[in-house]
Protein backbone atom coordinates (compact mmCIF):
# COMPACT_ATOMS: atom_id res chain seq x y z
CA MET A 1 45.90 323.71 -34.95
CA ALA A 2 48.65 325.60 -32.77
CA LEU A 3 48.87 323.90 -29.47
CA LYS A 4 48.62 327.02 -26.63
CA LYS A 5 51.39 326.84 -24.16
CA PHE A 6 50.41 327.61 -20.42
CA ASP A 7 52.46 328.96 -17.89
CA VAL A 8 52.24 326.59 -15.24
CA PRO A 9 53.91 328.40 -12.58
CA ASP A 10 51.35 331.10 -12.50
CA ILE A 11 48.60 328.39 -12.12
CA ASP A 12 50.75 326.91 -9.31
CA ASP A 13 50.96 330.56 -7.79
CA ALA A 14 47.42 330.88 -8.20
CA ILE A 15 46.48 327.54 -6.57
CA SER A 16 48.65 328.29 -3.65
CA GLU A 17 46.87 331.95 -3.12
CA ALA A 18 43.36 330.26 -3.13
CA LYS A 19 44.40 327.96 -0.38
CA ASP A 20 46.23 330.48 1.70
CA ASP A 21 42.96 332.78 1.28
CA GLU A 22 40.70 329.74 2.50
CA GLN A 23 43.06 329.07 5.44
CA ARG A 24 43.24 332.99 6.42
CA LYS A 25 39.12 332.70 6.10
CA GLU A 26 39.19 329.61 8.23
CA GLU A 27 41.71 331.65 11.06
CA THR A 28 39.91 334.44 10.73
CA ALA A 29 36.82 332.42 11.50
CA HIS A 30 38.18 330.70 14.34
CA ALA A 31 39.74 334.09 15.56
CA GLU A 32 36.03 335.54 15.62
CA LYS A 33 34.80 332.19 17.17
CA ILE A 34 37.20 333.04 20.18
CA ALA A 35 37.03 336.62 20.59
CA TYR A 36 32.94 335.96 20.60
CA ALA A 37 33.48 333.58 23.34
CA LEU A 38 36.02 335.89 25.60
CA GLU A 39 33.45 338.36 24.94
CA PHE A 40 30.62 336.27 26.26
CA PHE A 41 32.69 334.86 29.22
CA THR A 42 33.68 338.73 30.32
CA LYS A 43 30.13 339.61 30.08
CA LYS A 44 29.14 336.37 31.95
CA ALA A 45 32.16 336.41 34.87
CA PRO A 46 30.46 338.46 36.99
CA ASP A 47 27.33 336.34 37.21
CA ILE A 48 29.36 333.30 37.34
CA LEU A 49 31.89 334.27 40.06
CA GLU A 50 28.57 335.84 42.11
CA ASN A 51 26.75 332.33 41.85
CA MET A 52 30.16 330.53 42.57
CA GLN A 53 30.32 332.39 46.14
CA GLY A 54 26.66 331.58 46.46
CA VAL A 55 27.83 328.21 46.11
CA VAL A 56 30.74 328.22 48.32
CA SER A 57 29.05 329.93 50.99
CA GLN A 58 26.53 327.34 51.04
CA LEU A 59 29.51 324.71 51.08
CA ASP A 60 30.69 325.81 54.32
CA ALA A 61 30.51 323.12 56.62
CA ARG A 62 28.51 324.49 59.77
CA LYS A 63 25.95 326.28 57.17
CA PHE A 64 25.67 323.05 55.37
CA ALA A 65 25.01 320.85 58.52
CA SER A 66 22.33 323.44 59.82
CA ILE A 67 20.49 323.54 56.52
CA LEU A 68 21.03 319.81 56.45
CA ARG A 69 19.64 319.22 60.17
CA GLU A 70 16.31 321.56 59.12
CA GLU A 71 15.60 320.02 56.31
CA LEU A 72 15.92 316.40 57.93
CA LYS A 73 13.76 317.69 60.87
CA LYS A 74 11.17 318.90 58.56
CA ALA A 75 11.11 315.73 56.59
CA ALA A 76 11.21 313.81 59.79
CA ASP A 77 8.00 315.67 61.23
CA GLU A 78 6.31 315.33 57.73
CA MET A 79 6.50 311.63 58.23
CA ALA A 80 5.62 311.65 61.62
CA ALA A 81 2.66 313.60 60.94
CA ARG A 82 1.78 311.03 58.32
CA PHE A 83 2.33 308.20 60.11
CA THR A 84 0.17 309.59 63.06
CA SER A 85 -2.93 310.60 60.52
CA LYS A 86 -2.64 306.89 59.40
CA ILE A 87 -2.18 305.03 62.55
CA GLU A 88 -4.70 307.28 64.72
CA PRO A 89 -8.05 305.36 63.37
CA ILE A 90 -6.60 302.00 63.66
CA VAL A 91 -5.71 302.95 67.12
CA LYS A 92 -9.18 304.29 68.10
CA ARG A 93 -10.68 301.18 66.49
CA ALA A 94 -8.47 299.06 68.61
CA GLU A 95 -8.91 301.00 71.63
CA SER A 96 -12.97 300.96 71.49
CA ALA A 97 -13.14 297.01 70.89
CA ASP A 98 -11.98 296.92 74.53
CA ARG A 99 -9.33 294.12 73.93
CA ARG A 100 -11.70 291.87 71.84
CA ILE A 101 -10.48 290.53 68.76
CA SER A 102 -12.95 290.98 66.20
CA VAL A 103 -13.28 287.66 63.90
CA PRO A 104 -14.72 287.87 60.19
CA THR A 105 -18.23 285.85 60.32
CA GLN A 106 -16.83 283.65 57.10
CA ALA A 107 -13.86 282.47 59.31
CA ALA A 108 -16.45 282.20 62.30
CA TYR A 109 -18.71 279.73 60.23
CA ILE A 110 -15.80 278.02 58.63
CA VAL A 111 -14.35 277.05 62.24
CA LEU A 112 -18.12 276.03 63.32
CA ALA A 113 -18.33 273.79 60.15
CA ILE A 114 -14.46 272.44 60.85
CA LEU A 115 -15.75 271.41 64.53
CA ILE A 116 -18.63 270.05 63.48
CA TRP A 117 -16.95 267.86 60.99
CA LEU A 118 -14.15 266.93 63.86
CA ILE A 119 -17.14 265.36 66.16
CA ILE A 120 -18.73 263.49 63.04
CA PHE A 121 -15.18 262.36 62.46
CA LEU A 122 -14.52 261.47 65.99
CA VAL A 123 -18.31 259.26 65.92
CA MET A 124 -17.33 257.62 62.70
CA VAL A 125 -13.69 256.44 64.36
CA ILE A 126 -15.51 255.02 67.27
CA TYR A 127 -18.10 253.15 65.41
CA ALA A 128 -15.15 252.03 62.77
CA ASN A 129 -13.24 250.49 65.32
CA THR A 130 -16.29 248.64 66.58
CA LYS A 131 -18.09 247.68 63.12
CA ILE A 132 -16.38 248.32 60.09
CA ARG A 133 -13.08 246.64 58.27
CA SER A 134 -9.85 248.61 57.75
CA GLY A 135 -10.84 249.00 54.06
CA ASP A 136 -13.64 250.48 54.33
CA LEU A 137 -12.06 252.86 56.94
CA THR A 138 -9.85 254.27 54.75
CA ALA A 139 -13.04 254.90 52.13
CA LEU A 140 -14.64 256.72 55.26
CA ILE A 141 -11.79 258.95 55.92
CA VAL A 142 -11.47 260.27 52.49
CA LEU A 143 -15.07 260.63 52.06
CA PHE A 144 -14.80 262.56 55.25
CA PHE A 145 -12.07 265.02 54.24
CA VAL A 146 -14.24 265.54 50.72
CA ALA A 147 -17.44 266.40 52.84
CA LEU A 148 -15.33 268.75 55.05
CA ILE A 149 -13.74 270.57 51.62
CA ILE A 150 -17.20 270.84 50.39
CA SER A 151 -18.82 272.41 53.21
CA ILE A 152 -16.02 274.89 53.49
CA ILE A 153 -16.13 275.76 49.68
CA ALA A 154 -20.05 276.11 50.09
CA ILE A 155 -19.49 278.42 53.42
CA ILE A 156 -17.03 280.75 51.43
CA TYR A 157 -19.65 280.96 48.75
CA PHE A 158 -22.76 281.50 50.69
CA THR A 159 -21.10 284.12 52.88
CA LYS A 160 -19.58 285.86 49.60
CA LYS A 161 -22.58 285.97 47.53
CA TYR A 162 -25.48 286.67 50.09
CA ARG A 163 -23.02 288.72 52.59
CA TRP A 164 -23.94 286.68 56.08
C-alpha cells in the first residue's frame, strides 16, 4: 500500500478561510444588532425626548414646589378628616358625661373589697397589739393578704362570668 501525500498548505488555507468566514459572520451579526438598536433608537427617540421634556418641566423648582404643596395639603386634609372622624365620637361621649369619670363595675367592686379588707386589717392590728404575740401577728398578716388576693380573684371571676 502506498501512502498518500496530503498537501498541507491547502488544508491550512481551508482552515484559515473557515475561521475568517466564521469571524465575518460574527461581525455581520454584531453589525446587524447595532443597526437594529440604532433603528429602534431613532424610532423611539422622539418619544423618549417628549417624555424627558415632561419630566424636565416637572423638575422646574416652582412647579415642583406648587405640586408638592398641593399634595401635602391634600394629605394633611385627609389625615385631619380621618382624625376628626375618629375623635368626634369620643369627644361627644366625654361631653355627655358632664365631667364625670366612668369607672368600670369590676374596678368599683375591687376598690370596695380592698376598703373592707383594710378596715378588717385595722381592726386586726388593734386587737393584735392588745392580745396577740408577735409570732402570731406575722401569720395573721399573711392570712390577711392571702384572703385579700383570693377575694380580688373571686371578684374578677364573677364579674366576667356573670357580667355584673
